């Protein structure tokens, strides 16, 4: 019996020892895990502290940036208005208050437009009226609208363009004055040819050897040239205003004879040979007679001014199924090919005494008749201008380009 008790005690003792060993091993493992956890907690605490410090620095930087932006928005000369989803003003800067007056916050932009803004003829430009003051203070503003991608709010940018508008209007006035000067120079150039012809006829009247019939003929021609001057001035006024002038049937052979009669005295005075070739075969054009006549006379007058004595000037008329061509050629000094594209520009001239408007006006006149003019010139040989005009089936109205717009087209004097 005693032997059995001893065996049982030994067995229990062995189990207890084994259990204690297992417990010791588990405790050791737990201690290791705990130490690892402490290390991880310590490491995470350090990382959290670093992250927290970085966040605090970013927050401080954002606060500083926010303050700078706030100061910039306050100092910004342009107005800023923020509209919420209901089109109500949620934020403004001082410049916007200066433009629009108070109150602004909570008011719909539609109401602001109705009560404090006046539309102008230009899109996006408004007159701001601060009705809060005793005497309304008007300023001109330009409004831009943009949508915030983050908040989906509308942001209105208000620019004060009062001074810019005043400068713009002053520039327009200066352009109109410049156009007036351009027109005056152009008118003088246009009047020179018929006036010189009239003076030539008037000079003949003083000759004592003239009989009554010749004197009467020269007097009639002088009066005719003066009437032409009057008519030319009227056409130039229409040209300046951009008014339409009636177009009618113009027989080319009649036009050529008239031009020959007008230009022949000047050619003889300059000792130039003048040849007119009429290959129109009875053709007619639907154009303004005086406009076409003035254009050709300008080109002939240019040729007279530069052609040497004894040289030849020709005026040739040719027709095709679709167009009529008037070709004016001279044996003058010619024009350098590099300048061909510039000869129709306003105020460009190769002559010291030239105004730089003769060919400019010619170009405008031909354009008004839906035609075109080309130049072919060789230095030392001569120059040829070709006017091409469509043979329209019905009469139309020609419209002169206003002189103020001449800078946008090619024109000129050689």
Protein backbone atom coordinates (compact mmCIF):
# COMPACT_ATOMS: atom_id res chain seq x y z
CA UNK A 1 0.00 0.00 0.00
CA UNK A 2 2.78 2.37 0.87
CA UNK A 3 4.48 1.58 -2.40
CA UNK A 4 1.40 2.67 -4.42
CA UNK A 5 1.16 6.02 -2.57
CA UNK A 6 4.80 6.74 -3.28
CA UNK A 7 4.39 5.99 -6.98
CA UNK A 8 1.39 8.27 -7.22
CA UNK A 9 3.24 11.10 -5.47
CA UNK A 10 6.15 10.76 -7.83
CA UNK A 11 3.79 10.91 -10.82
CA UNK A 12 2.11 14.08 -9.53
CA UNK A 13 5.43 15.66 -8.80
CA UNK A 14 6.61 14.96 -12.35
CA UNK A 15 3.43 16.50 -13.81
CA UNK A 16 3.81 19.54 -11.61
CA UNK A 17 7.40 19.94 -12.72
CA UNK A 18 6.44 19.64 -16.35
CA UNK A 19 3.60 22.18 -15.86
CA UNK A 20 6.00 24.57 -14.17
CA UNK A 21 8.44 24.15 -17.03
CA UNK A 22 5.70 24.93 -19.57
CA UNK A 23 4.61 27.93 -17.47
CA UNK A 24 8.21 29.18 -17.30
CA UNK A 25 8.55 28.87 -21.08
CA UNK A 26 5.22 30.67 -21.66
CA UNK A 27 6.18 33.37 -19.22
CA UNK A 28 9.50 33.85 -20.98
CA UNK A 29 7.74 34.10 -24.35
CA UNK A 30 5.25 36.61 -22.95
CA UNK A 31 8.07 38.65 -21.52
CA UNK A 32 9.74 38.70 -24.94
CA UNK A 33 6.52 39.71 -26.64
CA UNK A 34 5.94 42.40 -24.04
CA UNK A 35 9.43 43.78 -24.61
CA UNK A 36 8.80 43.78 -28.39
CA UNK A 37 5.50 45.55 -27.81
CA UNK A 38 7.21 48.13 -25.65
CA UNK A 39 9.80 48.69 -28.35
CA UNK A 40 7.09 49.03 -31.00
CA UNK A 41 5.12 51.41 -28.78
CA UNK A 42 8.25 53.45 -28.19
CA UNK A 43 9.03 53.48 -31.92
CA UNK A 44 5.43 54.40 -32.82
CA UNK A 45 5.47 57.12 -30.17
CA UNK A 46 8.57 58.62 -31.72
CA UNK A 47 7.09 58.37 -35.22
CA UNK A 48 3.84 59.91 -33.97
CA UNK A 49 5.78 62.73 -32.35
CA UNK A 50 7.66 63.34 -35.61
CA UNK A 51 4.42 63.22 -37.62
CA UNK A 52 2.72 65.50 -35.12
CA UNK A 53 5.62 67.94 -35.34
CA UNK A 54 5.47 67.84 -39.16
CA UNK A 55 1.70 68.43 -39.08
CA UNK A 56 2.18 71.33 -36.71
CA UNK A 57 4.79 72.83 -39.02
CA UNK A 58 2.50 72.36 -42.03
CA UNK A 59 -0.38 73.86 -40.08
CA UNK A 60 1.77 76.83 -39.11
CA UNK A 61 2.90 77.24 -42.71
CA UNK A 62 -0.71 77.06 -43.92
CA UNK A 63 -1.77 79.59 -41.34
CA UNK A 64 1.05 81.89 -42.45
CA UNK A 65 0.07 81.35 -46.10
CA UNK A 66 -3.56 82.00 -45.21
CA UNK A 67 -2.58 85.24 -43.53
CA UNK A 68 -0.48 86.25 -46.53
CA UNK A 69 -3.32 85.43 -48.91
CA UNK A 70 -5.71 87.35 -46.70
CA UNK A 71 -3.38 90.35 -46.71
CA UNK A 72 -2.91 90.02 -50.46
CA UNK A 73 -6.66 89.78 -51.01
CA UNK A 74 -7.13 92.87 -48.85
CA UNK A 75 -4.43 94.81 -50.69
CA UNK A 76 -5.51 93.55 -54.14
CA UNK A 77 -6.65 96.49 -56.32
CA UNK A 78 -9.09 94.22 -58.13
CA UNK A 79 -12.38 93.22 -56.55
CA UNK A 80 -13.11 89.61 -55.56
CA UNK A 81 -16.67 88.39 -54.97
CA UNK A 82 -17.46 84.77 -54.04
CA UNK A 83 -20.96 83.45 -54.76
CA UNK A 84 -22.42 80.35 -53.12
CA UNK A 85 -24.66 77.77 -54.79
CA UNK A 86 -27.67 80.07 -54.38
CA UNK A 87 -25.89 82.92 -56.18
CA UNK A 88 -25.54 84.84 -52.91
CA UNK A 89 -22.41 86.73 -51.96
CA UNK A 90 -20.51 84.84 -49.28
CA UNK A 91 -17.14 86.63 -49.31
CA UNK A 92 -15.75 89.89 -50.65
CA UNK A 93 -12.56 91.89 -50.43
CA UNK A 94 -12.23 95.63 -49.72
CA UNK A 95 -11.80 96.47 -53.42
CA UNK A 96 -15.17 94.89 -54.21
CA UNK A 97 -16.76 96.98 -51.45
CA UNK A 98 -15.10 100.05 -52.91
CA UNK A 99 -16.56 99.28 -56.35
CA UNK A 100 -20.03 98.14 -55.30
CA UNK A 101 -20.61 99.75 -51.93
CA UNK A 102 -22.25 98.08 -48.90
CA UNK A 103 -23.97 95.90 -47.87
CA UNK A 104 -22.86 92.94 -50.00
CA UNK A 105 -22.81 89.74 -47.89
CA UNK A 106 -25.91 87.62 -48.31
CA UNK A 107 -27.25 89.60 -51.28
CA UNK A 108 -27.82 87.85 -54.60
CA UNK A 109 -25.65 88.90 -57.50
CA UNK A 110 -28.74 89.46 -59.64
CA UNK A 111 -29.85 92.17 -57.23
CA UNK A 112 -26.40 93.77 -57.37
CA UNK A 113 -26.62 93.88 -61.17
CA UNK A 114 -30.05 95.48 -61.05
CA UNK A 115 -29.31 98.08 -58.38
CA UNK A 116 -25.61 98.93 -58.63
CA UNK A 117 -24.43 98.10 -62.14
CA UNK A 118 -25.24 99.60 -65.53
CA UNK A 119 -24.41 97.60 -68.68
CA UNK A 120 -22.29 99.17 -71.41
CA UNK A 121 -22.09 98.52 -75.12
CA UNK A 122 -19.10 96.21 -74.58
CA UNK A 123 -19.58 92.69 -73.23
CA UNK A 124 -18.23 92.19 -69.72
CA UNK A 125 -17.88 95.91 -69.03
CA UNK A 126 -20.16 97.68 -66.54
CA UNK A 127 -20.59 101.05 -64.92
CA UNK A 128 -20.58 100.64 -61.14
CA UNK A 129 -22.84 103.09 -59.28
CA UNK A 130 -22.33 103.35 -55.52
CA UNK A 131 -25.80 104.63 -54.65
CA UNK A 132 -24.94 104.81 -50.95
CA UNK A 133 -23.13 108.09 -51.52
CA UNK A 134 -24.94 111.38 -51.92
CA UNK A 135 -23.46 111.90 -55.38
CA UNK A 136 -23.20 108.62 -57.32
CA UNK A 137 -19.58 107.72 -58.05
CA UNK A 138 -19.27 106.05 -61.45
CA UNK A 139 -16.39 103.79 -62.35
CA UNK A 140 -16.03 101.39 -65.25
CA UNK A 141 -15.26 97.79 -64.32
CA UNK A 142 -14.64 94.59 -66.24
CA UNK A 143 -16.05 91.42 -64.62
CA UNK A 144 -14.64 87.92 -65.13
CA UNK A 145 -16.41 84.82 -63.84
CA UNK A 146 -14.66 81.58 -62.89
CA UNK A 147 -15.80 78.43 -61.10
CA UNK A 148 -13.84 76.93 -58.19
CA UNK A 149 -13.09 73.25 -58.88
CA UNK A 150 -12.89 72.40 -55.18
CA UNK A 151 -15.84 74.25 -53.63
CA UNK A 152 -17.86 74.68 -56.84
CA UNK A 153 -18.36 78.32 -55.90
CA UNK A 154 -18.43 81.13 -58.45
CA UNK A 155 -15.61 83.64 -58.15
CA UNK A 156 -16.09 87.05 -59.75
CA UNK A 157 -13.03 89.18 -60.48
CA UNK A 158 -13.71 92.92 -60.82
CA UNK A 159 -11.11 95.04 -62.65
CA UNK A 160 -11.20 98.83 -62.58
CA UNK A 161 -10.72 99.90 -66.21
CA UNK A 162 -11.84 103.52 -65.82
CA UNK A 163 -8.43 104.95 -66.75
CA UNK A 164 -7.83 102.31 -69.41
CA UNK A 165 -11.20 103.15 -70.98
CA UNK A 166 -10.35 106.86 -70.95
CA UNK A 167 -7.01 106.12 -72.66
CA UNK A 168 -8.77 103.88 -75.16
CA UNK A 169 -11.24 106.63 -76.01
CA UNK A 170 -8.39 109.13 -76.31
CA UNK A 171 -6.61 106.76 -78.67
CA UNK A 172 -9.75 106.48 -80.77
CA UNK A 173 -10.01 110.25 -80.97
CA UNK A 174 -6.37 110.43 -82.00
CA UNK A 175 -7.00 107.80 -84.68
CA UNK A 176 -9.95 109.81 -85.99
CA UNK A 177 -7.77 112.93 -86.12
CA UNK A 178 -5.07 110.96 -87.93
CA UNK A 179 -7.71 109.69 -90.36
CA UNK A 180 -8.81 113.27 -90.99
CA UNK A 181 -5.23 114.22 -91.82
CA UNK A 182 -4.96 111.19 -94.08
CA UNK A 183 -8.16 112.16 -95.86
CA UNK A 184 -6.95 115.73 -96.31
CA UNK A 185 -3.71 114.50 -97.88
CA UNK A 186 -5.61 112.04 -100.03
CA UNK A 187 -8.02 114.73 -101.18
CA UNK A 188 -5.13 117.01 -102.15
CA UNK A 189 -3.59 114.17 -104.14
CA UNK A 190 -6.88 113.44 -105.88
CA UNK A 191 -7.44 117.10 -106.79
CA UNK A 192 -3.97 117.67 -108.20
CA UNK A 193 -4.53 116.12 -111.65
CA UNK A 194 -7.82 117.83 -112.63
CA UNK A 195 -6.63 121.08 -111.05
CA UNK A 196 -3.39 121.10 -113.04
CA UNK A 197 -5.42 120.44 -116.19
CA UNK A 198 -7.78 123.31 -115.38
CA UNK A 199 -4.79 125.61 -114.76
CA UNK A 200 -3.29 124.56 -118.07
CA UNK A 201 -6.49 125.41 -119.94
CA UNK A 202 -6.79 128.68 -118.01
CA UNK A 203 -3.22 129.52 -119.00
CA UNK A 204 -4.11 129.08 -122.65
CA UNK A 205 -6.93 131.61 -122.23
CA UNK A 206 -4.38 134.35 -121.55
CA UNK A 207 -2.74 133.88 -124.95
CA UNK A 208 -3.39 136.92 -127.15
CA UNK A 209 -3.17 134.89 -130.35
CA UNK A 210 -6.28 132.83 -129.55
CA UNK A 211 -9.31 133.45 -131.71
CA UNK A 212 -12.81 133.54 -130.26
CA UNK A 213 -13.58 129.90 -131.08
CA UNK A 214 -10.39 128.57 -129.44
CA UNK A 215 -10.90 130.85 -126.43
CA UNK A 216 -14.44 129.55 -126.04
CA UNK A 217 -13.21 125.96 -126.32
CA UNK A 218 -10.54 126.42 -123.64
CA UNK A 219 -13.04 128.21 -121.39
CA UNK A 220 -15.49 125.32 -121.76
CA UNK A 221 -12.77 122.80 -120.94
CA UNK A 222 -11.72 124.83 -117.91
CA UNK A 223 -15.29 124.94 -116.60
CA UNK A 224 -15.62 121.22 -117.26
CA UNK A 225 -12.49 120.51 -115.18
CA UNK A 226 -13.78 122.73 -112.36
CA UNK A 227 -17.08 120.85 -112.37
CA UNK A 228 -15.07 117.67 -112.24
CA UNK A 229 -13.23 118.99 -109.19
CA UNK A 230 -16.54 119.71 -107.48
CA UNK A 231 -17.79 116.24 -108.28
CA UNK A 232 -14.53 114.71 -107.07
CA UNK A 233 -14.81 116.48 -103.72
CA UNK A 234 -18.33 115.12 -103.33
CA UNK A 235 -17.09 111.61 -104.08
CA UNK A 236 -14.24 111.99 -101.60
CA UNK A 237 -16.73 112.95 -98.89
CA UNK A 238 -18.64 109.79 -99.68
CA UNK A 239 -15.36 107.89 -99.53
CA UNK A 240 -14.55 109.29 -96.08
CA UNK A 241 -18.00 108.47 -94.70
CA UNK A 242 -18.01 104.99 -96.20
CA UNK A 243 -21.26 105.74 -97.99
CA UNK A 244 -22.46 103.69 -100.91
CA UNK A 245 -22.34 105.29 -104.36
CA UNK A 246 -24.48 104.18 -107.28
CA UNK A 247 -22.95 102.02 -109.96
CA UNK A 248 -24.12 102.11 -113.51
CA UNK A 249 -23.28 100.99 -116.98
CA UNK A 250 -19.94 102.39 -118.10
CA UNK A 251 -18.85 101.84 -121.70
CA UNK A 252 -15.11 101.30 -121.69
CA UNK A 253 -14.46 102.94 -125.05
CA UNK A 254 -16.14 106.15 -123.88
CA UNK A 255 -14.14 106.07 -120.64
CA UNK A 256 -10.88 105.64 -122.55
CA UNK A 257 -11.61 108.57 -124.86
CA UNK A 258 -12.41 110.77 -121.88
CA UNK A 259 -9.19 109.81 -120.11
CA UNK A 260 -7.19 110.49 -123.25
CA UNK A 261 -8.71 113.96 -123.56
CA UNK A 262 -8.00 114.79 -119.92
CA UNK A 263 -4.44 113.47 -119.78
CA UNK A 264 -3.19 114.46 -123.24
CA UNK A 265 -2.39 118.11 -122.32
CA UNK A 266 -0.23 117.04 -119.37
CA UNK A 267 1.56 114.48 -121.52
CA UNK A 268 2.34 117.10 -124.13
CA UNK A 269 3.56 119.55 -121.52
CA UNK A 270 5.96 116.92 -120.12
CA UNK A 271 7.03 115.90 -123.68
CA UNK A 272 5.70 112.37 -123.19
CA UNK A 273 4.20 110.07 -125.79
CA UNK A 274 0.75 108.86 -124.73
CA UNK A 275 -0.87 105.89 -126.49
CA UNK A 276 -4.34 104.53 -125.72
CA UNK A 277 -5.29 101.09 -127.11
CA UNK A 278 -8.97 100.22 -126.97
CA UNK A 279 -9.52 96.47 -127.28
CA UNK A 280 -12.78 96.54 -125.32
CA UNK A 281 -14.85 95.66 -128.43
CA UNK A 282 -17.78 97.72 -127.16
CA UNK A 283 -17.80 96.11 -123.68
CA UNK A 284 -19.32 97.81 -120.65
CA UNK A 285 -18.90 97.46 -116.88
CA UNK A 286 -21.35 98.03 -114.04
CA UNK A 287 -19.19 100.26 -111.83
CA UNK A 288 -19.09 103.82 -110.56
CA UNK A 289 -17.80 105.87 -113.48
CA UNK A 290 -16.04 108.55 -111.43
CA UNK A 291 -14.41 106.07 -109.07
CA UNK A 292 -12.90 104.10 -111.95
CA UNK A 293 -11.89 107.27 -113.79
CA UNK A 294 -10.19 108.66 -110.68
CA UNK A 295 -8.29 105.41 -110.09
CA UNK A 296 -6.91 105.30 -113.66
CA UNK A 297 -6.07 109.03 -113.64
CA UNK A 298 -4.13 108.56 -110.40
CA UNK A 299 -2.03 105.84 -112.01
CA UNK A 300 -1.48 107.94 -115.14
CA UNK A 301 -0.55 110.95 -113.02
CA UNK A 302 2.02 108.82 -111.16
CA UNK A 303 3.46 107.75 -114.51
CA UNK A 304 3.64 111.38 -115.67
CA UNK A 305 5.53 112.38 -112.52
CA UNK A 306 8.30 109.79 -112.87
CA UNK A 307 8.58 109.13 -116.64
CA UNK A 308 11.54 110.82 -118.40
CA UNK A 309 10.88 113.23 -121.27
CA UNK A 310 10.39 111.48 -124.60
CA UNK A 311 9.36 108.17 -123.03
CA UNK A 312 6.14 106.28 -123.69
CA UNK A 313 3.09 105.91 -121.45
CA UNK A 314 0.36 103.52 -122.55
CA UNK A 315 -3.20 102.82 -121.46
CA UNK A 316 -4.52 99.52 -122.79
CA UNK A 317 -7.96 98.00 -122.29
CA UNK A 318 -8.52 94.26 -122.76
CA UNK A 319 -11.56 92.10 -122.06
CA UNK A 320 -12.23 88.41 -121.47
CA UNK A 321 -15.39 86.45 -120.78
CA UNK A 322 -15.19 87.20 -117.04
CA UNK A 323 -13.27 90.43 -116.60
CA UNK A 324 -11.96 93.65 -118.08
CA UNK A 325 -8.35 94.75 -117.71
CA UNK A 326 -6.97 98.27 -117.75
CA UNK A 327 -3.17 98.26 -118.11
CA UNK A 328 -1.13 101.40 -117.42
CA UNK A 329 2.56 101.19 -118.40
CA UNK A 330 5.45 103.62 -118.27
CA UNK A 331 9.17 103.63 -119.09
CA UNK A 332 10.21 105.20 -115.81
CA UNK A 333 12.90 104.10 -113.34
CA UNK A 334 10.83 101.15 -112.08
CA UNK A 335 10.46 99.81 -108.55
CA UNK A 336 12.65 97.28 -106.76
CA UNK A 337 10.85 93.89 -106.57
CA UNK A 338 11.30 93.79 -102.78
CA UNK A 339 9.06 96.87 -102.56
CA UNK A 340 6.22 95.54 -104.72
CA UNK A 341 4.25 94.29 -101.72
CA UNK A 342 4.52 97.68 -100.00
CA UNK A 343 3.56 100.07 -102.79
CA UNK A 344 -0.12 99.91 -101.79
CA UNK A 345 0.55 100.64 -98.13
CA UNK A 346 -0.57 104.06 -96.85
CA UNK A 347 2.22 106.66 -96.66
CA UNK A 348 4.82 104.45 -98.32
CA UNK A 349 6.47 106.30 -101.21
CA UNK A 350 9.74 106.22 -103.12
CA UNK A 351 9.32 109.84 -104.25
CA UNK A 352 10.57 112.69 -102.09
CA UNK A 353 7.55 114.83 -102.97
CA UNK A 354 5.07 111.94 -102.82
CA UNK A 355 2.33 111.74 -100.18
CA UNK A 356 2.21 107.95 -100.09
CA UNK A 357 -1.56 107.96 -100.61
CA UNK A 358 -2.09 107.91 -104.39
CA UNK A 359 -1.84 104.15 -104.84
CA UNK A 360 -3.53 103.64 -101.47
CA UNK A 361 -6.62 105.44 -102.71
CA UNK A 362 -6.46 103.59 -106.04
CA UNK A 363 -6.36 100.27 -104.21
CA UNK A 364 -9.39 101.24 -102.14
CA UNK A 365 -11.34 102.41 -105.15
CA UNK A 366 -10.66 99.21 -107.08
CA UNK A 367 -11.58 97.10 -104.06
CA UNK A 368 -14.85 99.00 -103.75
CA UNK A 369 -15.67 97.73 -107.24
CA UNK A 370 -14.85 94.11 -106.29
CA UNK A 371 -11.74 94.27 -108.44
CA UNK A 372 -8.01 93.94 -107.88
CA UNK A 373 -4.86 95.75 -108.92
CA UNK A 374 -1.46 94.21 -109.61
CA UNK A 375 2.01 95.67 -110.14
CA UNK A 376 4.82 94.43 -112.40
CA UNK A 377 7.95 96.57 -112.31
CA UNK A 378 11.59 96.18 -113.25
CA UNK A 379 14.22 98.73 -112.16
CA UNK A 380 15.56 100.66 -115.16
CA UNK A 381 12.86 99.38 -117.52
CA UNK A 382 9.50 100.61 -116.23
CA UNK A 383 6.34 99.80 -114.35
CA UNK A 384 3.01 98.27 -115.32
CA UNK A 385 -0.19 98.38 -113.24
CA UNK A 386 -3.04 96.05 -114.17
CA UNK A 387 -6.58 96.72 -112.96
CA UNK A 388 -8.87 93.69 -113.18
CA UNK A 389 -12.61 94.24 -112.84
CA UNK A 390 -15.36 91.61 -113.01
CA UNK A 391 -17.89 91.90 -115.81
CA UNK A 392 -20.98 91.73 -113.58
CA UNK A 393 -24.27 90.80 -115.18
CA UNK A 394 -26.27 93.37 -113.22
CA UNK A 395 -25.68 96.77 -111.70
CA UNK A 396 -24.58 96.89 -108.10
CA UNK A 397 -23.72 99.51 -105.53
CA UNK A 398 -20.08 100.20 -104.81
CA UNK A 399 -19.08 101.03 -101.24
CA UNK A 400 -15.97 103.03 -100.55
CA UNK A 401 -13.85 102.02 -97.59
CA UNK A 402 -13.69 104.86 -95.03
CA UNK A 403 -10.33 106.61 -94.94
CA UNK A 404 -9.96 105.71 -91.26
CA UNK A 405 -9.84 102.06 -92.29
CA UNK A 406 -7.28 102.51 -95.04
CA UNK A 407 -4.49 101.20 -92.81
CA UNK A 408 -6.11 97.77 -92.89
CA UNK A 409 -5.83 97.59 -96.69
CA UNK A 410 -2.89 97.91 -99.02
CA UNK A 411 -2.56 101.32 -100.75
CA UNK A 412 0.04 104.00 -101.94
CA UNK A 413 2.18 106.50 -104.05
CA UNK A 414 5.37 105.48 -105.77
